[in-house]
Every structure is written in structure tokens, then in C-alpha cells.
Amino acid sequence: MSIFGTRNNKKKALVFVDYEYWFYSYINRYGIRPDVSAWRKELESRYTIVDIMIFADFNSPSIGEELANLRTITNTIIETGTATQVRKKDMTDFVMLDYIYQSVSDRSDVGTYVIFTGDGHFQSVVKYLGQKCHKNVVVYGVDYTFSNRLKAVAQSFELLPTQQELDDCHSKMILKYFARINNKRNVTPTFWGTVEAVAKFNSVPEDSIKASLLRLITNEYVSQREIKLEKDKTVRIVVPDWDKLRRDGVFELPQSKK
């Protein structure tokens, strides 16, 4: 490298992810799926990533569908499922803990450990890495599912999802709803009718959908207009601007099947 080249001062980091915890926490609490590509990009802005290790039992179809996305950010995916295990989640924790302890001697050149879990079982290894091994330990967890015991021993922690992540996901829920009802004459998409339908279908709070729909209107991706129904009744509906959504790369209306 040229003597005039830019020196990389980022610290080396090993990343360990309890993906069962991340995935099911997102699905059950927020009705969204993790954006693993955006998360890796955010980590790369801070660290030189040595490896990202993903741990989970992928036998369930819902989480099994995540494998394609996960392979875009790492080749190190550890399947923790077995045919005979009784407590699957404990097995994932055990395997992940074993890899973390082994890495201390195998990768002594790494000074930062990023651990994605909210499970209190990991408080001992976080203390060990920080106090005994003098490593910088950053713990990621999902808001409202993060063990207070783990928070207490973590040198630093980050809570997900970000507000932007939630906003983008809720906006897509709304646009997918509009796509489903497109050209259906028996559906009249009012503002509040849309909020209620999307919130119920996706099991997310109405306030979150309302806020996202208002943002779509403010950004002129959705407009409001009045239409006349029978007996001169007027109703105000919400209408997506499919052309603008497509041009801006926000959402493209799927082609109808012939």
C-alpha cells in the first residue's frame, strides 16, 4: 500500500448473533423481520469485522426462510437444531456460548466482541470477556426483551429496532395492503379503515400504522380525495401514487396475474 494511503484505524470485531432471539422477538413484538444487511453495514462503519457467526435452529419454516438473507452477510451459520433435543432454545445458547469462549484463545488479536442476545444466561460470559480478558464488549438486544441482568454487566448496549427500521417496515405493510385491494371495487380505503385493516392483518399497533400513513401522505406517495357513493353520499379515501412510488424506488405494484 502507498505510504500516502489511508490507514484503517477501526478495531477488529468478532460478532455472535442469537438469531432465534432476534427473529422471534421482532416477529412476535413488532411484526417485522430483521434487516440483517443494514445491520452489517452499520457494524462495518465502526469495526473491521473478522467474522459474523449466526446461531439458530432453522428447522421451523418461518425462520428457515431467513437463511438466504443471512448468507448475504456471512458464511458462518451454525445450525443448532437436532432431532433429539428437548429444549431447543437452551441448545442454541449453549452452542453460542461455547463458540464465544473458544474464540478468546483462537483469536487473541480481536479486541472487540459484539454479542446479539437479550438472554440473561450471557451475563457470565460478558463479565468474563470484559473483566478477565479486557475485551470491549458491545451487546445488542431487542427493546422490551433485553434482560436487566445482562444490561447491568454490559460495557455498552444497543437496542433495536431503530425507529427508521420500524417506519420503513410499517410503510411497506400499508403499500402491500393497497396492492392487495388494487382494482377491488368493493373496498373503499378510507384513512381510518386502512389503519385498522393494516394493523389487524399484521398484528401491530394502530398508532404505528397511523404515523406511517401520515408520512406517506406528507411525502406525497399517498393522496386523499373525495368520491361520491350512492345516494349522493361522499367519502374521503386514500390513494397511492403508484408511479411516484415506482420512480423513487419505494414500492412497485406487482403485475397482475392473467
Protein backbone atom coordinates (compact mmCIF):
# COMPACT_ATOMS: atom_id res chain seq x y z
CA MET A 1 0.00 0.00 0.00
CA SER A 2 1.22 3.51 -0.74
CA ILE A 3 2.71 5.45 2.17
CA PHE A 4 0.12 8.08 1.37
CA GLY A 5 -2.78 5.62 1.69
CA THR A 6 -5.44 5.97 4.36
CA ARG A 7 -4.77 3.85 7.41
CA ASN A 8 -7.63 1.76 8.75
CA ASN A 9 -7.95 2.56 12.45
CA LYS A 10 -11.09 0.53 13.03
CA LYS A 11 -10.88 -2.09 15.75
CA LYS A 12 -11.24 -5.76 14.86
CA ALA A 13 -14.52 -7.29 15.98
CA LEU A 14 -15.97 -10.77 16.27
CA VAL A 15 -19.77 -10.86 16.05
CA PHE A 16 -22.01 -13.53 17.61
CA VAL A 17 -25.75 -13.50 16.89
CA ASP A 18 -28.51 -15.48 18.60
CA TYR A 19 -30.74 -15.27 15.56
CA GLU A 20 -33.62 -17.17 17.14
CA TYR A 21 -33.86 -14.45 19.76
CA TRP A 22 -33.60 -11.62 17.20
CA PHE A 23 -36.03 -13.13 14.69
CA TYR A 24 -38.78 -14.23 17.08
CA SER A 25 -38.55 -11.05 19.17
CA TYR A 26 -39.08 -8.96 16.05
CA ILE A 27 -41.91 -11.13 14.72
CA ASN A 28 -43.78 -11.53 18.00
CA ARG A 29 -43.45 -7.98 19.31
CA TYR A 30 -43.24 -5.79 16.22
CA GLY A 31 -44.49 -7.90 13.34
CA ILE A 32 -41.31 -7.25 11.32
CA ARG A 33 -38.28 -9.22 10.18
CA PRO A 34 -34.65 -8.24 10.87
CA ASP A 35 -32.85 -6.19 8.22
CA VAL A 36 -29.56 -8.04 8.53
CA SER A 37 -27.88 -6.26 5.60
CA ALA A 38 -28.47 -2.82 7.12
CA TRP A 39 -27.20 -4.07 10.48
CA ARG A 40 -23.98 -5.43 8.98
CA LYS A 41 -23.45 -2.15 7.14
CA GLU A 42 -23.85 -0.24 10.40
CA LEU A 43 -21.30 -2.52 12.11
CA GLU A 44 -18.84 -2.10 9.25
CA SER A 45 -18.93 1.67 9.76
CA ARG A 46 -17.48 1.11 13.24
CA TYR A 47 -15.37 -2.05 13.09
CA THR A 48 -13.25 -4.27 10.90
CA ILE A 49 -15.37 -7.39 11.09
CA VAL A 50 -13.37 -10.59 11.43
CA ASP A 51 -16.45 -12.82 11.28
CA ILE A 52 -20.18 -12.80 11.93
CA MET A 53 -21.41 -16.05 13.45
CA ILE A 54 -25.14 -16.78 13.28
CA PHE A 55 -26.68 -19.33 15.66
CA ALA A 56 -30.21 -20.76 15.39
CA ASP A 57 -32.38 -23.80 14.88
CA PHE A 58 -33.61 -23.27 11.31
CA ASN A 59 -35.93 -26.28 11.19
CA SER A 60 -39.06 -24.15 11.54
CA PRO A 61 -40.25 -22.96 8.09
CA SER A 62 -40.65 -19.33 9.19
CA ILE A 63 -37.09 -18.87 10.38
CA GLY A 64 -35.76 -21.27 7.75
CA GLU A 65 -36.78 -18.76 5.08
CA GLU A 66 -34.24 -16.36 6.58
CA LEU A 67 -31.23 -18.42 5.51
CA ALA A 68 -30.97 -16.82 2.06
CA ASN A 69 -30.79 -13.32 3.59
CA LEU A 70 -28.32 -14.40 6.25
CA ARG A 71 -25.96 -15.85 3.64
CA THR A 72 -25.64 -12.36 2.13
CA ILE A 73 -23.88 -11.12 5.28
CA THR A 74 -21.87 -14.18 6.41
CA ASN A 75 -20.80 -17.70 5.55
CA THR A 76 -20.66 -18.73 9.20
CA ILE A 77 -24.11 -20.04 10.05
CA ILE A 78 -24.28 -22.59 12.86
CA GLU A 79 -27.38 -24.80 12.82
CA THR A 80 -28.18 -25.71 16.43
CA GLY A 81 -31.21 -27.94 15.84
CA THR A 82 -31.09 -31.68 16.47
CA ALA A 83 -33.69 -34.41 16.20
CA THR A 84 -33.42 -35.41 19.86
CA GLN A 85 -33.09 -32.16 21.76
CA VAL A 86 -35.84 -31.23 24.20
CA ARG A 87 -35.14 -27.58 24.98
CA LYS A 88 -34.13 -26.10 21.65
CA LYS A 89 -33.50 -22.53 22.82
CA ASP A 90 -31.13 -23.72 25.56
CA MET A 91 -29.18 -25.66 22.92
CA THR A 92 -28.69 -22.52 20.81
CA ASP A 93 -27.46 -20.63 23.90
CA PHE A 94 -25.08 -23.47 24.82
CA VAL A 95 -23.55 -23.72 21.34
CA MET A 96 -23.14 -19.96 21.05
CA LEU A 97 -21.52 -19.69 24.48
CA ASP A 98 -19.07 -22.47 23.56
CA TYR A 99 -18.01 -20.63 20.40
CA ILE A 100 -17.51 -17.38 22.32
CA TYR A 101 -15.28 -19.00 24.97
CA GLN A 102 -13.23 -20.84 22.33
CA SER A 103 -12.65 -17.66 20.35
CA VAL A 104 -10.83 -15.99 23.24
CA SER A 105 -7.79 -18.24 22.74
CA ASP A 106 -8.24 -18.82 19.00
CA ARG A 107 -8.48 -15.10 18.10
CA SER A 108 -6.37 -13.26 20.66
CA ASP A 109 -5.85 -10.45 18.12
CA VAL A 110 -9.50 -9.40 18.36
CA GLY A 111 -10.25 -6.73 20.95
CA THR A 112 -13.99 -6.19 20.43
CA TYR A 113 -16.83 -8.67 20.85
CA VAL A 114 -20.29 -7.86 19.54
CA ILE A 115 -22.94 -10.15 21.00
CA PHE A 116 -26.57 -10.06 19.88
CA THR A 117 -28.77 -11.54 22.59
CA GLY A 118 -31.09 -10.37 25.32
CA ASP A 119 -30.78 -13.55 27.38
CA GLY A 120 -29.58 -13.24 30.98
CA HIS A 121 -27.66 -16.52 30.56
CA PHE A 122 -24.97 -14.49 28.80
CA GLN A 123 -24.14 -12.21 31.73
CA SER A 124 -21.30 -14.50 32.88
CA VAL A 125 -19.53 -14.56 29.51
CA VAL A 126 -19.95 -10.78 29.12
CA LYS A 127 -18.34 -10.26 32.54
CA TYR A 128 -15.58 -12.74 31.68
CA LEU A 129 -14.74 -11.04 28.38
CA GLY A 130 -14.70 -7.57 29.89
CA GLN A 131 -13.19 -8.12 33.33
CA LYS A 132 -10.88 -11.12 32.82
CA CYS A 133 -9.94 -10.81 29.16
CA HIS A 134 -10.06 -6.99 28.92
CA LYS A 135 -12.16 -7.06 25.75
CA ASN A 136 -14.50 -4.34 24.59
CA VAL A 137 -17.96 -5.94 24.69
CA VAL A 138 -21.00 -4.48 22.91
CA VAL A 139 -24.34 -6.21 23.44
CA TYR A 140 -27.25 -5.77 21.03
CA GLY A 141 -30.78 -6.60 22.12
CA VAL A 142 -34.39 -6.10 21.12
CA ASP A 143 -36.22 -3.40 23.09
CA TYR A 144 -38.54 -4.73 25.83
CA THR A 145 -36.95 -8.20 25.62
CA PHE A 146 -33.50 -7.33 26.99
CA SER A 147 -32.58 -8.94 30.33
CA ASN A 148 -31.91 -6.34 33.05
CA ARG A 149 -29.19 -8.63 34.43
CA LEU A 150 -27.42 -8.57 31.08
CA LYS A 151 -27.77 -4.80 30.77
CA ALA A 152 -26.20 -4.39 34.20
CA VAL A 153 -22.94 -6.15 33.24
CA ALA A 154 -22.63 -4.95 29.63
CA GLN A 155 -19.97 -2.31 28.97
CA SER A 156 -22.31 -0.85 26.37
CA PHE A 157 -25.52 -1.98 24.72
CA GLU A 158 -27.63 -1.07 21.71
CA LEU A 159 -31.39 -1.52 21.41
CA LEU A 160 -33.18 -2.45 18.19
CA PRO A 161 -35.25 -1.97 16.13
CA THR A 162 -34.37 1.56 15.16
CA GLN A 163 -37.24 3.96 14.56
CA GLN A 164 -36.30 4.14 10.88
CA GLU A 165 -36.47 0.36 10.64
CA LEU A 166 -39.96 0.35 12.12
CA ASP A 167 -41.13 3.23 9.95
CA ASP A 168 -39.93 1.59 6.72
CA CYS A 169 -41.50 -1.74 7.61
CA HIS A 170 -44.86 -0.24 8.55
CA SER A 171 -44.91 1.80 5.34
CA LYS A 172 -44.38 -1.39 3.34
CA MET A 173 -47.24 -3.04 5.21
CA ILE A 174 -49.52 -0.20 4.11
CA LEU A 175 -48.37 -0.32 0.49
CA LYS A 176 -48.79 -4.10 0.34
CA TYR A 177 -52.35 -3.62 1.61
CA PHE A 178 -53.01 -1.09 -1.16
CA ALA A 179 -51.59 -3.57 -3.68
CA ARG A 180 -53.91 -6.33 -2.41
CA ILE A 181 -57.03 -4.20 -2.75
CA ASN A 182 -55.99 -2.54 -6.02
CA ASN A 183 -58.88 -2.59 -8.51
CA LYS A 184 -61.26 -4.18 -6.00
CA ARG A 185 -64.46 -2.21 -6.40
CA ASN A 186 -65.99 -3.49 -3.15
CA VAL A 187 -63.23 -1.93 -0.99
CA THR A 188 -63.31 1.78 -0.08
CA PRO A 189 -59.94 2.63 1.52
CA THR A 190 -60.62 5.45 3.97
CA PHE A 191 -57.81 6.70 6.21
CA TRP A 192 -59.05 5.03 9.37
CA GLY A 193 -60.30 1.94 7.54
CA THR A 194 -56.80 1.47 6.13
CA VAL A 195 -55.16 1.96 9.52
CA GLU A 196 -57.45 -0.60 11.17
CA ALA A 197 -57.12 -3.17 8.37
CA VAL A 198 -53.30 -3.00 8.16
CA ALA A 199 -52.85 -3.03 11.95
CA LYS A 200 -55.13 -6.04 12.36
CA PHE A 201 -53.64 -8.02 9.45
CA ASN A 202 -50.05 -7.51 10.68
CA SER A 203 -50.75 -7.54 14.44
CA VAL A 204 -49.11 -4.17 15.04
CA PRO A 205 -50.39 -1.12 16.97
CA GLU A 206 -52.77 1.20 15.12
CA ASP A 207 -50.80 4.27 16.25
CA SER A 208 -47.72 2.98 14.40
CA ILE A 209 -49.66 2.42 11.17
CA LYS A 210 -51.36 5.81 11.51
CA ALA A 211 -47.98 7.57 11.83
CA SER A 212 -46.58 5.75 8.79
CA LEU A 213 -49.65 6.51 6.67
CA LEU A 214 -49.37 10.20 7.59
CA ARG A 215 -45.70 10.16 6.50
CA LEU A 216 -46.67 8.61 3.16
CA ILE A 217 -49.24 11.38 2.69
CA THR A 218 -46.75 14.10 3.68
CA ASN A 219 -44.21 12.72 1.19
CA GLU A 220 -46.95 12.68 -1.49
CA TYR A 221 -46.79 8.92 -2.01
CA VAL A 222 -50.44 8.72 -0.91
CA SER A 223 -53.13 11.33 -1.52
CA GLN A 224 -56.59 11.90 -0.11
CA ARG A 225 -59.59 12.58 -2.29
CA GLU A 226 -63.34 12.62 -2.03
CA ILE A 227 -65.54 10.29 -4.05
CA LYS A 228 -69.30 10.03 -4.34
CA LEU A 229 -71.11 6.86 -3.43
CA GLU A 230 -74.78 6.02 -3.97
CA LYS A 231 -77.45 8.45 -2.76
CA ASP A 232 -75.02 11.38 -3.07
CA LYS A 233 -73.00 10.16 -0.11
CA THR A 234 -69.42 11.46 -0.12
CA VAL A 235 -66.46 9.65 1.41
CA ARG A 236 -62.79 10.66 1.68
CA ILE A 237 -60.39 7.91 0.58
CA VAL A 238 -56.61 7.41 0.48
CA VAL A 239 -54.99 6.59 -2.86
CA PRO A 240 -51.37 5.56 -3.54
CA ASP A 241 -49.41 7.23 -6.34
CA TRP A 242 -48.00 4.07 -7.90
CA ASP A 243 -45.95 5.96 -10.50
CA LYS A 244 -44.16 8.11 -7.92
CA LEU A 245 -43.60 5.11 -5.65
CA ARG A 246 -42.02 3.20 -8.54
CA ARG A 247 -39.91 6.15 -9.79
CA ASP A 248 -38.49 6.77 -6.30
CA GLY A 249 -37.77 3.06 -5.76
CA VAL A 250 -40.06 2.89 -2.74
CA PHE A 251 -42.53 0.24 -3.92
CA GLU A 252 -43.59 -1.30 -7.21
CA LEU A 253 -47.07 -2.60 -7.78
CA PRO A 254 -46.86 -6.33 -8.60
CA GLN A 255 -48.00 -7.33 -12.05
CA SER A 256 -51.47 -8.84 -12.01
CA LYS A 257 -51.69 -12.49 -12.99
CA LYS A 258 -53.55 -13.16 -16.19
